[in-house]
Amino acid sequence: MTKTQAQWFSGSSFADAIGHFGNSPDGVLLGPGLDLWDLSALKNIAVGERGTFQLRGEFFNAFNHNSVVGDSLDTEVGDPSFGAALSSHDPREIQLGGKFIF
């Protein structure tokens, strides 16, 4: 089964355990993995005898993977959104900067 935001796991595999706690063991669901890469690169450029210019690039969620945030799966049997991923990490952000060191 392909995991989508609307249905991360099959809700038809579960039902309310009326009168008892149920018999599903711990770890029966494999939650979403975290695929979040932050990268940075910098270059120091000599300017004159005592000056340095630093150029910097920072990439947050560099590969723009849509990883589901921690406990954001709806696991309440009977909810209309049961089995859905309710939130995810922010999209890719790029930050550029420069500074002169003297």
PDB file of N, CA and C in Angstrom:
ATOM      1  N   MET A   1       0.842  -1.185   0.000  1.00  0.00           N
ATOM      2  CA  MET A   1       0.000   0.000   0.000  1.00  0.00           C
ATOM      3  C   MET A   1       0.884   1.244   0.000  1.00  0.00           C
ATOM      4  N   THR A   2       0.578   2.168  -0.860  1.00  0.00           N
ATOM      5  CA  THR A   2       1.299   3.428  -0.908  1.00  0.00           C
ATOM      6  C   THR A   2       0.773   4.342   0.184  1.00  0.00           C
ATOM      7  N   LYS A   3       1.696   4.904   0.953  1.00  0.00           N
ATOM      8  CA  LYS A   3       1.298   5.797   2.041  1.00  0.00           C
ATOM      9  C   LYS A   3       1.036   7.186   1.464  1.00  0.00           C
ATOM     10  N   THR A   4      -0.115   7.743   1.784  1.00  0.00           N
ATOM     11  CA  THR A   4      -0.457   9.108   1.387  1.00  0.00           C
ATOM     12  C   THR A   4      -0.786   9.888   2.648  1.00  0.00           C
ATOM     13  N   GLN A   5      -0.923  11.190   2.501  1.00  0.00           N
ATOM     14  CA  GLN A   5      -1.260  11.999   3.673  1.00  0.00           C
ATOM     15  C   GLN A   5      -2.657  11.649   4.175  1.00  0.00           C
ATOM     16  N   ALA A   6      -3.575  11.365   3.266  1.00  0.00           N
ATOM     17  CA  ALA A   6      -4.951  11.064   3.665  1.00  0.00           C
ATOM     18  C   ALA A   6      -5.068   9.692   4.321  1.00  0.00           C
ATOM     19  N   GLN A   7      -4.178   8.743   3.966  1.00  0.00           N
ATOM     20  CA  GLN A   7      -4.245   7.415   4.585  1.00  0.00           C
ATOM     21  C   GLN A   7      -2.837   6.862   4.738  1.00  0.00           C
ATOM     22  N   TRP A   8      -2.246   7.099   5.915  1.00  0.00           N
ATOM     23  CA  TRP A   8      -0.890   6.639   6.201  1.00  0.00           C
ATOM     24  C   TRP A   8      -0.877   5.139   6.468  1.00  0.00           C
ATOM     25  N   PHE A   9      -1.920   4.623   7.093  1.00  0.00           N
ATOM     26  CA  PHE A   9      -2.083   3.181   7.291  1.00  0.00           C
ATOM     27  C   PHE A   9      -3.551   2.838   7.086  1.00  0.00           C
ATOM     28  N   SER A  10      -3.827   1.573   6.840  1.00  0.00           N
ATOM     29  CA  SER A  10      -5.182   1.117   6.549  1.00  0.00           C
ATOM     30  C   SER A  10      -6.016   1.101   7.828  1.00  0.00           C
ATOM     31  N   GLY A  11      -7.037   1.928   7.873  1.00  0.00           N
ATOM     32  CA  GLY A  11      -7.909   1.986   9.039  1.00  0.00           C
ATOM     33  C   GLY A  11      -8.834   0.789   9.138  1.00  0.00           C
ATOM     34  N   SER A  12      -9.022   0.051   8.031  1.00  0.00           N
ATOM     35  CA  SER A  12      -9.919  -1.103   8.054  1.00  0.00           C
ATOM     36  C   SER A  12      -9.319  -2.282   8.826  1.00  0.00           C
ATOM     37  N   SER A  13      -8.055  -2.186   9.196  1.00  0.00           N
ATOM     38  CA  SER A  13      -7.405  -3.265   9.955  1.00  0.00           C
ATOM     39  C   SER A  13      -7.683  -3.170  11.450  1.00  0.00           C
ATOM     40  N   PHE A  14      -8.333  -2.112  11.895  1.00  0.00           N
ATOM     41  CA  PHE A  14      -8.527  -1.879  13.317  1.00  0.00           C
ATOM     42  C   PHE A  14     -10.013  -1.652  13.613  1.00  0.00           C
ATOM     43  N   ALA A  15     -10.409  -2.010  14.817  1.00  0.00           N
ATOM     44  CA  ALA A  15     -11.782  -1.781  15.283  1.00  0.00           C
ATOM     45  C   ALA A  15     -11.723  -1.472  16.778  1.00  0.00           C
ATOM     46  N   ASP A  16     -12.790  -0.858  17.300  1.00  0.00           N
ATOM     47  CA  ASP A  16     -12.866  -0.584  18.734  1.00  0.00           C
ATOM     48  C   ASP A  16     -12.861  -1.895  19.522  1.00  0.00           C
ATOM     49  N   ALA A  17     -12.100  -1.908  20.603  1.00  0.00           N
ATOM     50  CA  ALA A  17     -12.067  -3.075  21.499  1.00  0.00           C
ATOM     51  C   ALA A  17     -13.074  -2.828  22.609  1.00  0.00           C
ATOM     52  N   ILE A  18     -14.295  -3.282  22.415  1.00  0.00           N
ATOM     53  CA  ILE A  18     -15.378  -3.025  23.369  1.00  0.00           C
ATOM     54  C   ILE A  18     -15.300  -4.029  24.510  1.00  0.00           C
ATOM     55  N   GLY A  19     -15.167  -3.530  25.739  1.00  0.00           N
ATOM     56  CA  GLY A  19     -15.153  -4.379  26.912  1.00  0.00           C
ATOM     57  C   GLY A  19     -13.783  -4.938  27.273  1.00  0.00           C
ATOM     58  N   HIS A  20     -12.770  -4.680  26.480  1.00  0.00           N
ATOM     59  CA  HIS A  20     -11.408  -5.120  26.803  1.00  0.00           C
ATOM     60  C   HIS A  20     -10.410  -4.190  26.120  1.00  0.00           C
ATOM     61  N   PHE A  21      -9.134  -4.397  26.388  1.00  0.00           N
ATOM     62  CA  PHE A  21      -8.111  -3.492  25.897  1.00  0.00           C
ATOM     63  C   PHE A  21      -7.591  -3.847  24.507  1.00  0.00           C
ATOM     64  N   GLY A  22      -8.020  -4.930  23.933  1.00  0.00           N
ATOM     65  CA  GLY A  22      -7.560  -5.332  22.606  1.00  0.00           C
ATOM     66  C   GLY A  22      -6.361  -6.251  22.689  1.00  0.00           C
ATOM     67  N   ASN A  23      -5.911  -6.720  21.536  1.00  0.00           N
ATOM     68  CA  ASN A  23      -4.810  -7.666  21.532  1.00  0.00           C
ATOM     69  C   ASN A  23      -3.686  -7.285  20.574  1.00  0.00           C
ATOM     70  N   SER A  24      -3.626  -6.042  20.134  1.00  0.00           N
ATOM     71  CA  SER A  24      -2.543  -5.600  19.263  1.00  0.00           C
ATOM     72  C   SER A  24      -1.287  -5.371  20.083  1.00  0.00           C
ATOM     73  N   PRO A  25      -0.164  -5.958  19.682  1.00  0.00           N
ATOM     74  CA  PRO A  25       1.073  -5.767  20.442  1.00  0.00           C
ATOM     75  C   PRO A  25       1.658  -4.376  20.200  1.00  0.00           C
ATOM     76  N   ASP A  26       2.618  -4.009  21.044  1.00  0.00           N
ATOM     77  CA  ASP A  26       3.334  -2.752  20.831  1.00  0.00           C
ATOM     78  C   ASP A  26       4.094  -2.825  19.515  1.00  0.00           C
ATOM     79  N   GLY A  27       4.153  -1.727  18.818  1.00  0.00           N
ATOM     80  CA  GLY A  27       4.934  -1.662  17.587  1.00  0.00           C
ATOM     81  C   GLY A  27       4.249  -2.260  16.378  1.00  0.00           C
ATOM     82  N   VAL A  28       2.926  -2.422  16.431  1.00  0.00           N
ATOM     83  CA  VAL A  28       2.216  -3.005  15.294  1.00  0.00           C
ATOM     84  C   VAL A  28       2.196  -2.031  14.108  1.00  0.00           C
ATOM     85  N   LEU A  29       2.291  -0.745  14.377  1.00  0.00           N
ATOM     86  CA  LEU A  29       2.350   0.260  13.312  1.00  0.00           C
ATOM     87  C   LEU A  29       3.766   0.796  13.196  1.00  0.00           C
ATOM     88  N   LEU A  30       4.254   0.859  11.984  1.00  0.00           N
ATOM     89  CA  LEU A  30       5.548   1.467  11.724  1.00  0.00           C
ATOM     90  C   LEU A  30       5.290   2.911  11.329  1.00  0.00           C
ATOM     91  N   GLY A  31       5.654   3.825  12.199  1.00  0.00           N
ATOM     92  CA  GLY A  31       5.396   5.229  11.952  1.00  0.00           C
ATOM     93  C   GLY A  31       6.271   5.811  10.863  1.00  0.00           C
ATOM     94  N   PRO A  32       5.995   7.024  10.487  1.00  0.00           N
ATOM     95  CA  PRO A  32       6.758   7.660   9.431  1.00  0.00           C
ATOM     96  C   PRO A  32       8.192   7.947   9.880  1.00  0.00           C
ATOM     97  N   GLY A  33       9.116   7.786   8.988  1.00  0.00           N
ATOM     98  CA  GLY A  33      10.509   8.094   9.289  1.00  0.00           C
ATOM     99  C   GLY A  33      10.776   9.582   9.168  1.00  0.00           C
ATOM    100  N   LEU A  34      11.883   9.987   9.695  1.00  0.00           N
ATOM    101  CA  LEU A  34      12.285  11.379   9.616  1.00  0.00           C
ATOM    102  C   LEU A  34      13.370  11.503   8.564  1.00  0.00           C
ATOM    103  N   ASP A  35      13.110  12.303   7.569  1.00  0.00           N
ATOM    104  CA  ASP A  35      14.053  12.498   6.481  1.00  0.00           C
ATOM    105  C   ASP A  35      14.257  14.001   6.315  1.00  0.00           C
ATOM    106  N   LEU A  36      15.028  14.572   7.213  1.00  0.00           N
ATOM    107  CA  LEU A  36      15.201  16.015   7.265  1.00  0.00           C
ATOM    108  C   LEU A  36      16.691  16.326   7.225  1.00  0.00           C
ATOM    109  N   TRP A  37      17.146  16.941   6.156  1.00  0.00           N
ATOM    110  CA  TRP A  37      18.564  17.235   5.954  1.00  0.00           C
ATOM    111  C   TRP A  37      18.790  18.738   5.967  1.00  0.00           C
ATOM    112  N   ASP A  38      19.667  19.199   6.855  1.00  0.00           N
ATOM    113  CA  ASP A  38      20.103  20.592   6.891  1.00  0.00           C
ATOM    114  C   ASP A  38      21.560  20.625   6.452  1.00  0.00           C
ATOM    115  N   LEU A  39      21.865  21.479   5.488  1.00  0.00           N
ATOM    116  CA  LEU A  39      23.225  21.586   4.957  1.00  0.00           C
ATOM    117  C   LEU A  39      23.677  23.034   4.988  1.00  0.00           C
ATOM    118  N   SER A  40      24.987  23.227   5.054  1.00  0.00           N
ATOM    119  CA  SER A  40      25.532  24.577   4.942  1.00  0.00           C
ATOM    120  C   SER A  40      26.877  24.508   4.242  1.00  0.00           C
ATOM    121  N   ALA A  41      27.223  25.603   3.591  1.00  0.00           N
ATOM    122  CA  ALA A  41      28.518  25.720   2.920  1.00  0.00           C
ATOM    123  C   ALA A  41      28.997  27.151   3.105  1.00  0.00           C
ATOM    124  N   LEU A  42      30.317  27.319   3.261  1.00  0.00           N
ATOM    125  CA  LEU A  42      30.853  28.666   3.388  1.00  0.00           C
ATOM    126  C   LEU A  42      32.191  28.758   2.679  1.00  0.00           C
ATOM    127  N   LYS A  43      32.514  29.962   2.272  1.00  0.00           N
ATOM    128  CA  LYS A  43      33.775  30.230   1.590  1.00  0.00           C
ATOM    129  C   LYS A  43      34.369  31.503   2.183  1.00  0.00           C
ATOM    130  N   ASN A  44      35.624  31.407   2.655  1.00  0.00           N
ATOM    131  CA  ASN A  44      36.349  32.573   3.143  1.00  0.00           C
ATOM    132  C   ASN A  44      37.234  33.098   2.022  1.00  0.00           C
ATOM    133  N   ILE A  45      37.119  34.391   1.726  1.00  0.00           N
ATOM    134  CA  ILE A  45      37.871  35.022   0.650  1.00  0.00           C
ATOM    135  C   ILE A  45      38.726  36.127   1.256  1.00  0.00           C
ATOM    136  N   ALA A  46      40.056  36.032   1.046  1.00  0.00           N
ATOM    137  CA  ALA A  46      40.972  37.054   1.585  1.00  0.00           C
ATOM    138  C   ALA A  46      40.800  38.356   0.789  1.00  0.00           C
ATOM    139  N   VAL A  47      40.689  39.461   1.548  1.00  0.00           N
ATOM    140  CA  VAL A  47      40.567  40.789   0.946  1.00  0.00           C
ATOM    141  C   VAL A  47      41.668  41.652   1.544  1.00  0.00           C
ATOM    142  N   GLY A  48      42.662  41.974   0.747  1.00  0.00           N
ATOM    143  CA  GLY A  48      43.785  42.755   1.259  1.00  0.00           C
ATOM    144  C   GLY A  48      44.639  41.930   2.212  1.00  0.00           C
ATOM    145  N   GLU A  49      45.392  42.634   3.075  1.00  0.00           N
ATOM    146  CA  GLU A  49      46.297  41.944   3.995  1.00  0.00           C
ATOM    147  C   GLU A  49      45.594  41.386   5.229  1.00  0.00           C
ATOM    148  N   ARG A  50      44.624  42.125   5.751  1.00  0.00           N
ATOM    149  CA  ARG A  50      44.028  41.728   7.036  1.00  0.00           C
ATOM    150  C   ARG A  50      42.524  41.483   6.979  1.00  0.00           C
ATOM    151  N   GLY A  51      41.920  41.605   5.829  1.00  0.00           N
ATOM    152  CA  GLY A  51      40.466  41.449   5.731  1.00  0.00           C
ATOM    153  C   GLY A  51      40.070  40.106   5.137  1.00  0.00           C
ATOM    154  N   THR A  52      38.903  39.662   5.521  1.00  0.00           N
ATOM    155  CA  THR A  52      38.342  38.420   4.992  1.00  0.00           C
ATOM    156  C   THR A  52      36.849  38.628   4.765  1.00  0.00           C
ATOM    157  N   PHE A  53      36.390  38.168   3.620  1.00  0.00           N
ATOM    158  CA  PHE A  53      34.953  38.190   3.341  1.00  0.00           C
ATOM    159  C   PHE A  53      34.458  36.755   3.389  1.00  0.00           C
ATOM    160  N   GLN A  54      33.407  36.518   4.155  1.00  0.00           N
ATOM    161  CA  GLN A  54      32.858  35.175   4.276  1.00  0.00           C
ATOM    162  C   GLN A  54      31.489  35.134   3.608  1.00  0.00           C
ATOM    163  N   LEU A  55      31.342  34.216   2.657  1.00  0.00           N
ATOM    164  CA  LEU A  55      30.071  33.997   1.967  1.00  0.00           C
ATOM    165  C   LEU A  55      29.527  32.666   2.457  1.00  0.00           C
ATOM    166  N   ARG A  56      28.255  32.653   2.840  1.00  0.00           N
ATOM    167  CA  ARG A  56      27.681  31.479   3.499  1.00  0.00           C
ATOM    168  C   ARG A  56      26.309  31.173   2.890  1.00  0.00           C
ATOM    169  N   GLY A  57      26.025  29.879   2.706  1.00  0.00           N
ATOM    170  CA  GLY A  57      24.710  29.412   2.253  1.00  0.00           C
ATOM    171  C   GLY A  57      24.235  28.320   3.193  1.00  0.00           C
ATOM    172  N   GLU A  58      22.999  28.417   3.651  1.00  0.00           N
ATOM    173  CA  GLU A  58      22.428  27.420   4.561  1.00  0.00           C
ATOM    174  C   GLU A  58      21.105  26.930   3.975  1.00  0.00           C
ATOM    175  N   PHE A  59      20.934  25.617   3.999  1.00  0.00           N
ATOM    176  CA  PHE A  59      19.763  24.992   3.402  1.00  0.00           C
ATOM    177  C   PHE A  59      19.083  24.141   4.474  1.00  0.00           C
ATOM    178  N   PHE A  60      17.852  24.482   4.805  1.00  0.00           N
ATOM    179  CA  PHE A  60      17.073  23.754   5.797  1.00  0.00           C
ATOM    180  C   PHE A  60      16.053  22.893   5.054  1.00  0.00           C
ATOM    181  N   ASN A  61      16.011  21.590   5.372  1.00  0.00           N
ATOM    182  CA  ASN A  61      15.230  20.613   4.616  1.00  0.00           C
ATOM    183  C   ASN A  61      15.667  20.671   3.147  1.00  0.00           C
ATOM    184  N   ALA A  62      16.969  20.505   2.939  1.00  0.00           N
ATOM    185  CA  ALA A  62      17.615  20.737   1.650  1.00  0.00           C
ATOM    186  C   ALA A  62      16.997  19.952   0.499  1.00  0.00           C
ATOM    187  N   PHE A  63      16.577  18.708   0.739  1.00  0.00           N
ATOM    188  CA  PHE A  63      16.036  17.886  -0.337  1.00  0.00           C
ATOM    189  C   PHE A  63      14.516  17.946  -0.412  1.00  0.00           C
ATOM    190  N   ASN A  64      13.916  18.797   0.409  1.00  0.00           N
ATOM    191  CA  ASN A  64      12.483  19.081   0.405  1.00  0.00           C
ATOM    192  C   ASN A  64      11.633  17.821   0.557  1.00  0.00           C
ATOM    193  N   HIS A  65      12.031  16.936   1.480  1.00  0.00           N
ATOM    194  CA  HIS A  65      11.237  15.745   1.761  1.00  0.00           C
ATOM    195  C   HIS A  65      10.105  16.110   2.704  1.00  0.00           C
ATOM    196  N   ASN A  66       8.946  15.595   2.442  1.00  0.00           N
ATOM    197  CA  ASN A  66       7.764  15.899   3.236  1.00  0.00           C
ATOM    198  C   ASN A  66       7.622  14.871   4.357  1.00  0.00           C
ATOM    199  N   SER A  67       8.430  14.990   5.412  1.00  0.00           N
ATOM    200  CA  SER A  67       8.395  14.057   6.536  1.00  0.00           C
ATOM    201  C   SER A  67       7.275  14.438   7.490  1.00  0.00           C
ATOM    202  N   VAL A  68       6.562  13.436   7.974  1.00  0.00           N
ATOM    203  CA  VAL A  68       5.463  13.650   8.920  1.00  0.00           C
ATOM    204  C   VAL A  68       6.054  13.956  10.295  1.00  0.00           C
ATOM    205  N   VAL A  69       5.495  14.939  10.985  1.00  0.00           N
ATOM    206  CA  VAL A  69       5.968  15.347  12.298  1.00  0.00           C
ATOM    207  C   VAL A  69       5.533  14.337  13.351  1.00  0.00           C
ATOM    208  N   GLY A  70       6.491  13.920  14.189  1.00  0.00           N
ATOM    209  CA  GLY A  70       6.316  13.027  15.330  1.00  0.00           C
ATOM    210  C   GLY A  70       4.980  12.368  15.554  1.00  0.00           C
ATOM    211  N   ASP A  71       4.162  12.878  16.460  1.00  0.00           N
ATOM    212  CA  ASP A  71       2.901  12.250  16.858  1.00  0.00           C
ATOM    213  C   ASP A  71       1.718  12.853  16.115  1.00  0.00           C
ATOM    214  N   SER A  72       1.855  13.077  14.828  1.00  0.00           N
ATOM    215  CA  SER A  72       0.776  13.731  14.105  1.00  0.00           C
ATOM    216  C   SER A  72      -0.089  12.762  13.306  1.00  0.00           C
ATOM    217  N   LEU A  73       0.044  11.464  13.540  1.00  0.00           N
ATOM    218  CA  LEU A  73      -0.856  10.498  12.914  1.00  0.00           C
ATOM    219  C   LEU A  73      -2.110  10.372  13.768  1.00  0.00           C
ATOM    220  N   ASP A  74      -3.272  10.405  13.124  1.00  0.00           N
ATOM    221  CA  ASP A  74      -4.526  10.246  13.858  1.00  0.00           C
ATOM    222  C   ASP A  74      -4.747   8.759  14.108  1.00  0.00           C
ATOM    223  N   THR A  75      -4.653   8.346  15.377  1.00  0.00           N
ATOM    224  CA  THR A  75      -4.796   6.931  15.732  1.00  0.00           C
ATOM    225  C   THR A  75      -6.048   6.664  16.549  1.00  0.00           C
ATOM    226  N   GLU A  76      -6.996   7.587  16.547  1.00  0.00           N
ATOM    227  CA  GLU A  76      -8.253   7.404  17.276  1.00  0.00           C
ATOM    228  C   GLU A  76      -9.260   6.694  16.373  1.00  0.00           C
ATOM    229  N   VAL A  77      -9.545   5.426  16.700  1.00  0.00           N
ATOM    230  CA  VAL A  77     -10.495   4.649  15.906  1.00  0.00           C
ATOM    231  C   VAL A  77     -11.849   5.347  15.929  1.00  0.00           C
ATOM    232  N   GLY A  78     -12.447   5.506  14.781  1.00  0.00           N
ATOM    233  CA  GLY A  78     -13.757   6.144  14.698  1.00  0.00           C
ATOM    234  C   GLY A  78     -13.695   7.583  14.221  1.00  0.00           C
ATOM    235  N   ASP A  79     -12.537   8.233  14.291  1.00  0.00           N
ATOM    236  CA  ASP A  79     -12.409   9.589  13.754  1.00  0.00           C
ATOM    237  C   ASP A  79     -12.514   9.537  12.236  1.00  0.00           C
ATOM    238  N   PRO A  80     -13.072  10.589  11.639  1.00  0.00           N
ATOM    239  CA  PRO A  80     -13.137  10.612  10.173  1.00  0.00           C
ATOM    240  C   PRO A  80     -11.746  10.636   9.527  1.00  0.00           C
ATOM    241  N   SER A  81     -10.765  11.155  10.243  1.00  0.00           N
ATOM    242  CA  SER A  81      -9.407  11.235   9.693  1.00  0.00           C
ATOM    243  C   SER A  81      -8.500  10.134  10.232  1.00  0.00           C
ATOM    244  N   PHE A  82      -9.076   9.022  10.725  1.00  0.00           N
ATOM    245  CA  PHE A  82      -8.300   7.915  11.291  1.00  0.00           C
ATOM    246  C   PHE A  82      -7.309   7.384  10.259  1.00  0.00           C
ATOM    247  N   GLY A  83      -6.035   7.338  10.644  1.00  0.00           N
ATOM    248  CA  GLY A  83      -4.994   6.840   9.749  1.00  0.00           C
ATOM    249  C   GLY A  83      -4.346   7.916   8.907  1.00  0.00           C
ATOM    250  N   ALA A  84      -4.768   9.167   9.056  1.00  0.00           N
ATOM    251  CA  ALA A  84      -4.233  10.253   8.239  1.00  0.00           C
ATOM    252  C   ALA A  84      -3.058  10.934   8.927  1.00  0.00           C
ATOM    253  N   ALA A  85      -2.139  11.449   8.122  1.00  0.00           N
ATOM    254  CA  ALA A  85      -1.038  12.272   8.626  1.00  0.00           C
ATOM    255  C   ALA A  85      -1.543  13.707   8.681  1.00  0.00           C
ATOM    256  N   LEU A  86      -1.539  14.308   9.868  1.00  0.00           N
ATOM    257  CA  LEU A  86      -2.181  15.605  10.059  1.00  0.00           C
ATOM    258  C   LEU A  86      -1.256  16.804   9.868  1.00  0.00           C
ATOM    259  N   SER A  87       0.064  16.598   9.945  1.00  0.00           N
ATOM    260  CA  SER A  87       0.979  17.718   9.740  1.00  0.00           C
ATOM    261  C   SER A  87       2.330  17.198   9.273  1.00  0.00           C
ATOM    262  N   SER A  88       3.130  18.102   8.755  1.00  0.00           N
ATOM    263  CA  SER A  88       4.458  17.713   8.267  1.00  0.00           C
ATOM    264  C   SER A  88       5.436  18.854   8.503  1.00  0.00           C
ATOM    265  N   HIS A  89       6.713  18.581   8.239  1.00  0.00           N
ATOM    266  CA  HIS A  89       7.744  19.594   8.428  1.00  0.00           C
ATOM    267  C   HIS A  89       7.611  20.725   7.412  1.00  0.00           C
ATOM    268  N   ASP A  90       8.257  21.831   7.709  1.00  0.00           N
ATOM    269  CA  ASP A  90       8.245  22.972   6.803  1.00  0.00           C
ATOM    270  C   ASP A  90       8.942  22.617   5.492  1.00  0.00           C
ATOM    271  N   PRO A  91       8.595  23.310   4.405  1.00  0.00           N
ATOM    272  CA  PRO A  91       9.278  23.074   3.138  1.00  0.00           C
ATOM    273  C   PRO A  91      10.709  23.607   3.176  1.00  0.00           C
ATOM    274  N   ARG A  92      11.436  23.397   2.103  1.00  0.00           N
ATOM    275  CA  ARG A  92      12.830  23.840   2.012  1.00  0.00           C
ATOM    276  C   ARG A  92      12.945  25.354   2.241  1.00  0.00           C
ATOM    277  N   GLU A  93      13.957  25.729   2.998  1.00  0.00           N
ATOM    278  CA  GLU A  93      14.288  27.144   3.201  1.00  0.00           C
ATOM    279  C   GLU A  93      15.760  27.326   2.892  1.00  0.00           C
ATOM    280  N   ILE A  94      16.085  28.400   2.189  1.00  0.00           N
ATOM    281  CA  ILE A  94      17.474  28.714   1.837  1.00  0.00           C
ATOM    282  C   ILE A  94      17.804  30.079   2.401  1.00  0.00           C
ATOM    283  N   GLN A  95      18.958  30.166   3.033  1.00  0.00           N
ATOM    284  CA  GLN A  95      19.404  31.421   3.642  1.00  0.00           C
ATOM    285  C   GLN A  95      20.816  31.707   3.143  1.00  0.00           C
ATOM    286  N   LEU A  96      21.026  32.882   2.613  1.00  0.00           N
ATOM    287  CA  LEU A  96      22.340  33.309   2.138  1.00  0.00           C
ATOM    288  C   LEU A  96      22.820  34.470   2.999  1.00  0.00           C
ATOM    289  N   GLY A  97      24.116  34.524   3.226  1.00  0.00           N
ATOM    290  CA  GLY A  97      24.648  35.620   4.040  1.00  0.00           C
ATOM    291  C   GLY A  97      26.099  35.879   3.707  1.00  0.00           C
ATOM    292  N   GLY A  98      26.524  37.052   4.053  1.00  0.00           N
ATOM    293  CA  GLY A  98      27.921  37.413   3.880  1.00  0.00           C
ATOM    294  C   GLY A  98      28.349  38.342   5.012  1.00  0.00           C
ATOM    295  N   LYS A  99      29.624  38.256   5.362  1.00  0.00           N
ATOM    296  CA  LYS A  99      30.134  39.172   6.388  1.00  0.00           C
ATOM    297  C   LYS A  99      31.603  39.495   6.082  1.00  0.00           C
ATOM    298  N   PHE A 100      31.980  40.678   6.483  1.00  0.00           N
ATOM    299  CA  PHE A 100      33.343  41.139   6.306  1.00  0.00           C
ATOM    300  C   PHE A 100      34.027  41.114   7.669  1.00  0.00           C
ATOM    301  N   ILE A 101      35.167  40.419   7.759  1.00  0.00           N
ATOM    302  CA  ILE A 101      35.907  40.299   9.009  1.00  0.00           C
ATOM    303  C   ILE A 101      37.198  41.097   8.842  1.00  0.00           C
ATOM    304  N   PHE A 102      37.433  42.064   9.740  1.00  0.00           N
ATOM    305  CA  PHE A 102      38.659  42.863   9.640  1.00  0.00           C
ATOM    306  C   PHE A 102      39.350  42.982  10.973  1.00  0.00           C
TER     307      PHE A 102
END
